[in-house]
Amino acid sequence: MGFEYFPREDVRFTTEIYTKQFDDMPMNEILPDGNGADSTGDFVNLGAGRSRGIEVFLQKKFSNQWYGTFSYSHSISEGIDPRKDEVEYYPWDYDYTDVMSLIGGYKIRYMDYDWYKQYRESSVAKFTSWFPLAPADEYEVSFRIRYAGGKPFTPKTYSQRYRKWYVDANQDYNTERMDDYLRFDIMILQRFYYEKVNLVAFWDIMNVMNRDNPWDYVYNADGTKDIALQYKTFPIGGVTLEF
């Protein structure tokens, strides 16, 4: 069930509520290996689960030199543990619960101003136009903020006897969660127009706050466990030619 509303010509708001039921889904058959751990066999149609949630979306199309979008989702995704005699739900692998994204930008056409036309022909512009904060024919500053709740995972146990990691056959699935994911990116884009070609220079700084965002756990052969992180602060710059 959804609702859509246009408070202005350049603004769109939508919200949706949904519920889904999944049955007869293919999944690997779970086979105890005799050592207290689970192994997987062929695919069988034992998968079942449910998901429900609400989504909100707000969009501001480009006008008056700026644009933006905001989206938020709250959902619960659960599967039925086929090992249990009674129906028992557990969080699915991608049950982030809360996901938010905010994107915005401001664009200005300096080429429409008389002072810029004089500046572009000056010797100062020839030596400074590639600076990130120097004016350009078209100049854009944008940002992106993304948040997601912690990803569920099933803890593994290390066997000193067999020297391997395993999931206990009697252990519940996805009982723990990783830390929340939060990332803030900024991009500066400069566009220069010429007679037969356009030059675009960009400067992109990802994960400005240098936050530790977990990706997954790495289980080492010696019994130790590390956390694999996504990119920390990562600056990127480049030039694109458009013909």
C-alpha atoms as a PDB file:
ATOM      1  CA  MET A   1       0.000   0.000   0.000  1.00  0.00           C
ATOM      2  CA  GLY A   2       1.482   3.342  -1.018  1.00  0.00           C
ATOM      3  CA  PHE A   3       0.861   7.070  -0.990  1.00  0.00           C
ATOM      4  CA  GLU A   4       2.273   9.714  -3.336  1.00  0.00           C
ATOM      5  CA  TYR A   5       2.121  13.496  -2.937  1.00  0.00           C
ATOM      6  CA  PHE A   6       3.560  16.455  -4.887  1.00  0.00           C
ATOM      7  CA  PRO A   7       3.736  19.494  -2.557  1.00  0.00           C
ATOM      8  CA  ARG A   8       5.483  21.428  -5.372  1.00  0.00           C
ATOM      9  CA  GLU A   9       6.257  20.867  -9.024  1.00  0.00           C
ATOM     10  CA  ASP A  10       9.838  19.869  -8.230  1.00  0.00           C
ATOM     11  CA  VAL A  11       9.178  17.926  -5.006  1.00  0.00           C
ATOM     12  CA  ARG A  12       7.836  14.379  -4.771  1.00  0.00           C
ATOM     13  CA  PHE A  13       6.998  12.457  -1.597  1.00  0.00           C
ATOM     14  CA  THR A  14       6.087   8.769  -1.431  1.00  0.00           C
ATOM     15  CA  THR A  15       5.600   6.270   1.365  1.00  0.00           C
ATOM     16  CA  GLU A  16       4.855   2.571   1.151  1.00  0.00           C
ATOM     17  CA  ILE A  17       3.970  -0.170   3.622  1.00  0.00           C
ATOM     18  CA  TYR A  18       4.439  -3.779   2.606  1.00  0.00           C
ATOM     19  CA  THR A  19       4.371  -7.343   3.864  1.00  0.00           C
ATOM     20  CA  LYS A  20       5.667 -10.435   2.046  1.00  0.00           C
ATOM     21  CA  GLN A  21       5.539 -14.155   2.654  1.00  0.00           C
ATOM     22  CA  PHE A  22       8.093 -16.567   1.159  1.00  0.00           C
ATOM     23  CA  ASP A  23       7.623 -20.316   0.786  1.00  0.00           C
ATOM     24  CA  ASP A  24       9.187 -23.178  -1.143  1.00  0.00           C
ATOM     25  CA  MET A  25      12.502 -21.336  -1.536  1.00  0.00           C
ATOM     26  CA  PRO A  26      15.586 -23.305  -2.675  1.00  0.00           C
ATOM     27  CA  MET A  27      18.286 -23.635  -0.036  1.00  0.00           C
ATOM     28  CA  ASN A  28      21.148 -25.991   0.757  1.00  0.00           C
ATOM     29  CA  GLU A  29      20.148 -29.046   2.729  1.00  0.00           C
ATOM     30  CA  ILE A  30      21.730 -28.975   6.188  1.00  0.00           C
ATOM     31  CA  LEU A  31      23.645 -32.146   7.067  1.00  0.00           C
ATOM     32  CA  PRO A  32      25.355 -32.697  10.441  1.00  0.00           C
ATOM     33  CA  ASP A  33      28.922 -33.857   9.774  1.00  0.00           C
ATOM     34  CA  GLY A  34      29.235 -35.993  12.897  1.00  0.00           C
ATOM     35  CA  ASN A  35      31.635 -33.610  14.626  1.00  0.00           C
ATOM     36  CA  GLY A  36      29.026 -31.275  16.061  1.00  0.00           C
ATOM     37  CA  ALA A  37      29.025 -28.982  13.021  1.00  0.00           C
ATOM     38  CA  ASP A  38      26.720 -28.403  10.073  1.00  0.00           C
ATOM     39  CA  SER A  39      27.592 -29.006   6.430  1.00  0.00           C
ATOM     40  CA  THR A  40      25.547 -28.369   3.306  1.00  0.00           C
ATOM     41  CA  GLY A  41      24.186 -30.749   0.716  1.00  0.00           C
ATOM     42  CA  ASP A  42      22.098 -30.361  -2.415  1.00  0.00           C
ATOM     43  CA  PHE A  43      19.480 -27.669  -2.949  1.00  0.00           C
ATOM     44  CA  VAL A  44      16.038 -28.498  -1.577  1.00  0.00           C
ATOM     45  CA  ASN A  45      12.804 -26.476  -1.410  1.00  0.00           C
ATOM     46  CA  LEU A  46      12.757 -25.984   2.357  1.00  0.00           C
ATOM     47  CA  GLY A  47      13.254 -22.224   2.565  1.00  0.00           C
ATOM     48  CA  ALA A  48      10.513 -20.057   4.028  1.00  0.00           C
ATOM     49  CA  GLY A  49      10.251 -16.674   5.693  1.00  0.00           C
ATOM     50  CA  ARG A  50       8.662 -13.262   5.781  1.00  0.00           C
ATOM     51  CA  SER A  51       9.459  -9.580   5.499  1.00  0.00           C
ATOM     52  CA  ARG A  52       7.530  -6.420   6.344  1.00  0.00           C
ATOM     53  CA  GLY A  53       8.351  -2.772   6.593  1.00  0.00           C
ATOM     54  CA  ILE A  54       7.807   0.834   5.625  1.00  0.00           C
ATOM     55  CA  GLU A  55       9.686   3.002   3.109  1.00  0.00           C
ATOM     56  CA  VAL A  56       9.765   6.802   2.824  1.00  0.00           C
ATOM     57  CA  PHE A  57      11.150   8.694  -0.159  1.00  0.00           C
ATOM     58  CA  LEU A  58      11.495  12.456  -0.694  1.00  0.00           C
ATOM     59  CA  GLN A  59      12.889  13.883  -3.941  1.00  0.00           C
ATOM     60  CA  LYS A  60      13.758  17.456  -4.869  1.00  0.00           C
ATOM     61  CA  LYS A  61      14.484  17.684  -8.598  1.00  0.00           C
ATOM     62  CA  PHE A  62      17.115  20.108  -9.814  1.00  0.00           C
ATOM     63  CA  SER A  63      15.775  23.657  -9.703  1.00  0.00           C
ATOM     64  CA  ASN A  64      16.986  26.943  -8.241  1.00  0.00           C
ATOM     65  CA  GLN A  65      20.522  25.531  -8.457  1.00  0.00           C
ATOM     66  CA  TRP A  66      20.098  22.620  -6.056  1.00  0.00           C
ATOM     67  CA  TYR A  67      18.677  19.100  -5.811  1.00  0.00           C
ATOM     68  CA  GLY A  68      18.367  16.331  -3.248  1.00  0.00           C
ATOM     69  CA  THR A  69      16.851  12.979  -2.324  1.00  0.00           C
ATOM     70  CA  PHE A  70      16.129  11.360   1.019  1.00  0.00           C
ATOM     71  CA  SER A  71      15.106   7.756   1.547  1.00  0.00           C
ATOM     72  CA  TYR A  72      14.475   5.749   4.698  1.00  0.00           C
ATOM     73  CA  SER A  73      13.466   2.142   5.136  1.00  0.00           C
ATOM     74  CA  HIS A  74      12.542   0.232   8.271  1.00  0.00           C
ATOM     75  CA  SER A  75      12.068  -3.471   7.693  1.00  0.00           C
ATOM     76  CA  ILE A  76      12.229  -6.862   9.352  1.00  0.00           C
ATOM     77  CA  SER A  77      13.288  -9.861   7.267  1.00  0.00           C
ATOM     78  CA  GLU A  78      13.115 -13.269   8.916  1.00  0.00           C
ATOM     79  CA  GLY A  79      13.560 -16.862   7.851  1.00  0.00           C
ATOM     80  CA  ILE A  80      12.230 -20.081   9.343  1.00  0.00           C
ATOM     81  CA  ASP A  81      14.912 -22.359  10.754  1.00  0.00           C
ATOM     82  CA  PRO A  82      14.297 -25.706   8.991  1.00  0.00           C
ATOM     83  CA  ARG A  83      16.184 -27.580  11.724  1.00  0.00           C
ATOM     84  CA  LYS A  84      13.519 -26.860  14.342  1.00  0.00           C
ATOM     85  CA  ASP A  85      10.409 -28.973  14.806  1.00  0.00           C
ATOM     86  CA  GLU A  86       8.350 -25.881  15.640  1.00  0.00           C
ATOM     87  CA  VAL A  87       8.210 -22.707  13.555  1.00  0.00           C
ATOM     88  CA  GLU A  88      11.004 -20.451  14.762  1.00  0.00           C
ATOM     89  CA  TYR A  89      12.154 -17.314  12.944  1.00  0.00           C
ATOM     90  CA  TYR A  90      15.667 -15.908  12.776  1.00  0.00           C
ATOM     91  CA  PRO A  91      17.010 -12.663  11.154  1.00  0.00           C
ATOM     92  CA  TRP A  92      17.971 -13.153   7.532  1.00  0.00           C
ATOM     93  CA  ASP A  93      21.516 -12.296   6.446  1.00  0.00           C
ATOM     94  CA  TYR A  94      20.548  -8.894   5.013  1.00  0.00           C
ATOM     95  CA  ASP A  95      18.144  -7.827   7.739  1.00  0.00           C
ATOM     96  CA  TYR A  96      19.678  -4.375   8.315  1.00  0.00           C
ATOM     97  CA  THR A  97      16.423  -3.127   9.936  1.00  0.00           C
ATOM     98  CA  ASP A  98      17.108   0.582   9.299  1.00  0.00           C
ATOM     99  CA  VAL A  99      18.581   1.971   6.085  1.00  0.00           C
ATOM    100  CA  MET A 100      18.873   5.697   5.296  1.00  0.00           C
ATOM    101  CA  SER A 101      20.333   7.605   2.358  1.00  0.00           C
ATOM    102  CA  LEU A 102      20.630  11.367   1.883  1.00  0.00           C
ATOM    103  CA  ILE A 103      21.997  12.846  -1.353  1.00  0.00           C
ATOM    104  CA  GLY A 104      22.181  16.530  -2.212  1.00  0.00           C
ATOM    105  CA  GLY A 105      24.014  18.976  -4.389  1.00  0.00           C
ATOM    106  CA  TYR A 106      24.362  22.605  -5.419  1.00  0.00           C
ATOM    107  CA  LYS A 107      25.177  23.610  -8.989  1.00  0.00           C
ATOM    108  CA  ILE A 108      26.055  27.071 -10.258  1.00  0.00           C
ATOM    109  CA  ARG A 109      26.790  28.220 -13.822  1.00  0.00           C
ATOM    110  CA  TYR A 110      29.552  30.783 -13.497  1.00  0.00           C
ATOM    111  CA  MET A 111      29.552  31.120 -17.292  1.00  0.00           C
ATOM    112  CA  ASP A 112      26.337  33.141 -16.994  1.00  0.00           C
ATOM    113  CA  TYR A 113      28.145  35.924 -15.082  1.00  0.00           C
ATOM    114  CA  ASP A 114      30.051  38.701 -16.852  1.00  0.00           C
ATOM    115  CA  TRP A 115      32.862  38.763 -14.291  1.00  0.00           C
ATOM    116  CA  TYR A 116      33.583  35.088 -14.914  1.00  0.00           C
ATOM    117  CA  LYS A 117      33.942  35.588 -18.682  1.00  0.00           C
ATOM    118  CA  GLN A 118      36.692  38.118 -17.987  1.00  0.00           C
ATOM    119  CA  TYR A 119      38.263  35.851 -15.365  1.00  0.00           C
ATOM    120  CA  ARG A 120      38.379  32.851 -17.722  1.00  0.00           C
ATOM    121  CA  GLU A 121      40.406  34.776 -20.292  1.00  0.00           C
ATOM    122  CA  SER A 122      42.882  36.017 -17.696  1.00  0.00           C
ATOM    123  CA  SER A 123      46.281  34.485 -17.008  1.00  0.00           C
ATOM    124  CA  VAL A 124      45.214  33.818 -13.417  1.00  0.00           C
ATOM    125  CA  ALA A 125      42.546  31.360 -14.575  1.00  0.00           C
ATOM    126  CA  LYS A 126      45.009  29.457 -16.749  1.00  0.00           C
ATOM    127  CA  PHE A 127      47.132  28.608 -13.710  1.00  0.00           C
ATOM    128  CA  THR A 128      44.422  28.211 -11.042  1.00  0.00           C
ATOM    129  CA  SER A 129      41.362  26.790 -12.829  1.00  0.00           C
ATOM    130  CA  TRP A 130      42.285  23.232 -11.817  1.00  0.00           C
ATOM    131  CA  PHE A 131      42.149  24.088  -8.099  1.00  0.00           C
ATOM    132  CA  PRO A 132      39.149  22.386  -6.396  1.00  0.00           C
ATOM    133  CA  LEU A 133      37.660  25.698  -5.215  1.00  0.00           C
ATOM    134  CA  ALA A 134      38.357  27.656  -8.399  1.00  0.00           C
ATOM    135  CA  PRO A 135      35.255  28.728 -10.377  1.00  0.00           C
ATOM    136  CA  ALA A 136      34.397  26.877 -13.602  1.00  0.00           C
ATOM    137  CA  ASP A 137      31.872  27.211 -16.426  1.00  0.00           C
ATOM    138  CA  GLU A 138      29.664  24.940 -14.346  1.00  0.00           C
ATOM    139  CA  TYR A 139      30.540  24.156 -10.734  1.00  0.00           C
ATOM    140  CA  GLU A 140      28.877  21.523  -8.570  1.00  0.00           C
ATOM    141  CA  VAL A 141      29.291  20.445  -4.940  1.00  0.00           C
ATOM    142  CA  SER A 142      27.447  17.326  -3.836  1.00  0.00           C
ATOM    143  CA  PHE A 143      27.374  14.988  -0.846  1.00  0.00           C
ATOM    144  CA  ARG A 144      26.057  11.580   0.095  1.00  0.00           C
ATOM    145  CA  ILE A 145      25.290  10.135   3.533  1.00  0.00           C
ATOM    146  CA  ARG A 146      24.453   6.467   3.928  1.00  0.00           C
ATOM    147  CA  TYR A 147      23.471   4.585   7.080  1.00  0.00           C
ATOM    148  CA  ALA A 148      22.556   0.956   7.629  1.00  0.00           C
ATOM    149  CA  GLY A 149      21.958  -1.048  10.771  1.00  0.00           C
ATOM    150  CA  GLY A 150      24.300  -3.852  11.738  1.00  0.00           C
ATOM    151  CA  LYS A 151      24.354  -6.922   9.506  1.00  0.00           C
ATOM    152  CA  PRO A 152      23.369 -10.173  11.290  1.00  0.00           C
ATOM    153  CA  PHE A 153      25.860 -13.026  11.410  1.00  0.00           C
ATOM    154  CA  THR A 154      26.250 -16.440  12.996  1.00  0.00           C
ATOM    155  CA  PRO A 155      29.339 -16.709  15.228  1.00  0.00           C
ATOM    156  CA  LYS A 156      31.763 -19.492  14.376  1.00  0.00           C
ATOM    157  CA  THR A 157      33.742 -21.689  16.767  1.00  0.00           C
ATOM    158  CA  TYR A 158      37.322 -22.791  16.205  1.00  0.00           C
ATOM    159  CA  SER A 159      38.166 -26.463  16.716  1.00  0.00           C
ATOM    160  CA  GLN A 160      41.690 -26.959  18.029  1.00  0.00           C
ATOM    161  CA  ARG A 161      41.427 -30.662  17.240  1.00  0.00           C
ATOM    162  CA  TYR A 162      40.489 -30.285  13.572  1.00  0.00           C
ATOM    163  CA  ARG A 163      42.009 -26.795  13.179  1.00  0.00           C
ATOM    164  CA  LYS A 164      39.022 -25.314  11.410  1.00  0.00           C
ATOM    165  CA  TRP A 165      36.144 -22.940  12.009  1.00  0.00           C
ATOM    166  CA  TYR A 166      32.600 -24.297  12.163  1.00  0.00           C
ATOM    167  CA  VAL A 167      29.028 -23.433  13.125  1.00  0.00           C
ATOM    168  CA  ASP A 168      27.693 -25.611  15.922  1.00  0.00           C
ATOM    169  CA  ALA A 169      24.837 -27.831  14.757  1.00  0.00           C
ATOM    170  CA  ASN A 170      22.663 -26.736  17.700  1.00  0.00           C
ATOM    171  CA  GLN A 171      23.498 -23.053  17.417  1.00  0.00           C
ATOM    172  CA  ASP A 172      20.822 -20.537  16.438  1.00  0.00           C
ATOM    173  CA  TYR A 173      21.411 -18.567  13.238  1.00  0.00           C
ATOM    174  CA  ASN A 174      22.367 -14.878  13.167  1.00  0.00           C
ATOM    175  CA  THR A 175      22.329 -14.241  16.883  1.00  0.00           C
ATOM    176  CA  GLU A 176      24.834 -11.363  16.682  1.00  0.00           C
ATOM    177  CA  ARG A 177      25.164  -8.207  14.592  1.00  0.00           C
ATOM    178  CA  MET A 178      28.039  -6.157  13.290  1.00  0.00           C
ATOM    179  CA  ASP A 179      28.371  -2.468  14.084  1.00  0.00           C
ATOM    180  CA  ASP A 180      26.262   0.057  12.202  1.00  0.00           C
ATOM    181  CA  TYR A 181      27.415   1.337   8.816  1.00  0.00           C
ATOM    182  CA  LEU A 182      27.778   5.110   8.323  1.00  0.00           C
ATOM    183  CA  ARG A 183      29.542   6.840   5.435  1.00  0.00           C
ATOM    184  CA  PHE A 184      29.783  10.465   4.349  1.00  0.00           C
ATOM    185  CA  ASP A 185      31.124  11.343   0.868  1.00  0.00           C
ATOM    186  CA  ILE A 186      31.770  14.738  -0.760  1.00  0.00           C
ATOM    187  CA  MET A 187      32.349  15.469  -4.437  1.00  0.00           C
ATOM    188  CA  ILE A 188      33.427  18.653  -6.235  1.00  0.00           C
ATOM    189  CA  LEU A 189      32.887  18.730  -9.985  1.00  0.00           C
ATOM    190  CA  GLN A 190      34.126  21.409 -12.414  1.00  0.00           C
ATOM    191  CA  ARG A 191      32.891  21.467 -15.998  1.00  0.00           C
ATOM    192  CA  PHE A 192      34.548  23.546 -18.744  1.00  0.00           C
ATOM    193  CA  TYR A 193      32.895  23.999 -22.149  1.00  0.00           C
ATOM    194  CA  TYR A 194      34.886  24.392 -25.348  1.00  0.00           C
ATOM    195  CA  GLU A 195      33.878  24.434 -29.018  1.00  0.00           C
ATOM    196  CA  LYS A 196      34.258  20.713 -29.724  1.00  0.00           C
ATOM    197  CA  VAL A 197      34.934  19.155 -26.355  1.00  0.00           C
ATOM    198  CA  ASN A 198      33.966  19.451 -22.687  1.00  0.00           C
ATOM    199  CA  LEU A 199      36.434  18.937 -19.867  1.00  0.00           C
ATOM    200  CA  VAL A 200      35.202  17.683 -16.500  1.00  0.00           C
ATOM    201  CA  ALA A 201      37.459  17.643 -13.448  1.00  0.00           C
ATOM    202  CA  PHE A 202      36.248  15.981 -10.250  1.00  0.00           C
ATOM    203  CA  TRP A 203      37.463  15.570  -6.699  1.00  0.00           C
ATOM    204  CA  ASP A 204      35.745  12.877  -4.643  1.00  0.00           C
ATOM    205  CA  ILE A 205      36.463  12.211  -0.962  1.00  0.00           C
ATOM    206  CA  MET A 206      34.839   9.014   0.300  1.00  0.00           C
ATOM    207  CA  ASN A 207      34.260   8.292   3.995  1.00  0.00           C
ATOM    208  CA  VAL A 208      35.205  11.810   5.068  1.00  0.00           C
ATOM    209  CA  MET A 209      34.857  10.927   8.762  1.00  0.00           C
ATOM    210  CA  ASN A 210      37.345   8.035   8.347  1.00  0.00           C
ATOM    211  CA  ARG A 211      34.914   5.714  10.104  1.00  0.00           C
ATOM    212  CA  ASP A 212      35.524   1.996  10.592  1.00  0.00           C
ATOM    213  CA  ASN A 213      32.704   0.358   8.611  1.00  0.00           C
ATOM    214  CA  PRO A 214      32.719  -3.439   8.937  1.00  0.00           C
ATOM    215  CA  TRP A 215      32.357  -5.614   5.849  1.00  0.00           C
ATOM    216  CA  ASP A 216      32.788  -9.135   7.187  1.00  0.00           C
ATOM    217  CA  TYR A 217      34.820 -11.247   9.567  1.00  0.00           C
ATOM    218  CA  VAL A 218      37.947 -13.063   8.393  1.00  0.00           C
ATOM    219  CA  TYR A 219      38.512 -16.402  10.105  1.00  0.00           C
ATOM    220  CA  ASN A 220      42.211 -17.287  10.073  1.00  0.00           C
ATOM    221  CA  ALA A 221      43.620 -20.818  10.002  1.00  0.00           C
ATOM    222  CA  ASP A 222      45.447 -20.255  13.318  1.00  0.00           C
ATOM    223  CA  GLY A 223      42.184 -19.680  15.198  1.00  0.00           C
ATOM    224  CA  THR A 224      42.316 -15.880  15.268  1.00  0.00           C
ATOM    225  CA  LYS A 225      39.606 -13.654  13.860  1.00  0.00           C
ATOM    226  CA  ASP A 226      39.966 -10.294  12.098  1.00  0.00           C
ATOM    227  CA  ILE A 227      37.436  -7.769  10.851  1.00  0.00           C
ATOM    228  CA  ALA A 228      37.532  -6.704   7.209  1.00  0.00           C
ATOM    229  CA  LEU A 229      36.690  -3.020   6.838  1.00  0.00           C
ATOM    230  CA  GLN A 230      35.435  -1.099   3.859  1.00  0.00           C
ATOM    231  CA  TYR A 231      37.439   1.862   2.586  1.00  0.00           C
ATOM    232  CA  LYS A 232      38.577   4.412   5.152  1.00  0.00           C
ATOM    233  CA  THR A 233      39.004   8.030   3.950  1.00  0.00           C
ATOM    234  CA  PHE A 234      39.736   7.618   0.247  1.00  0.00           C
ATOM    235  CA  PRO A 235      40.301  10.673  -1.996  1.00  0.00           C
ATOM    236  CA  ILE A 236      39.922  10.324  -5.752  1.00  0.00           C
ATOM    237  CA  GLY A 237      40.583  12.900  -8.458  1.00  0.00           C
ATOM    238  CA  GLY A 238      40.301  12.715 -12.211  1.00  0.00           C
ATOM    239  CA  VAL A 239      39.613  14.368 -15.537  1.00  0.00           C
ATOM    240  CA  THR A 240      37.055  13.353 -18.164  1.00  0.00           C
ATOM    241  CA  LEU A 241      36.814  14.534 -21.772  1.00  0.00           C
ATOM    242  CA  GLU A 242      33.371  14.637 -23.412  1.00  0.00           C
ATOM    243  CA  PHE A 243      33.197  14.769 -27.205  1.00  0.00           C
END
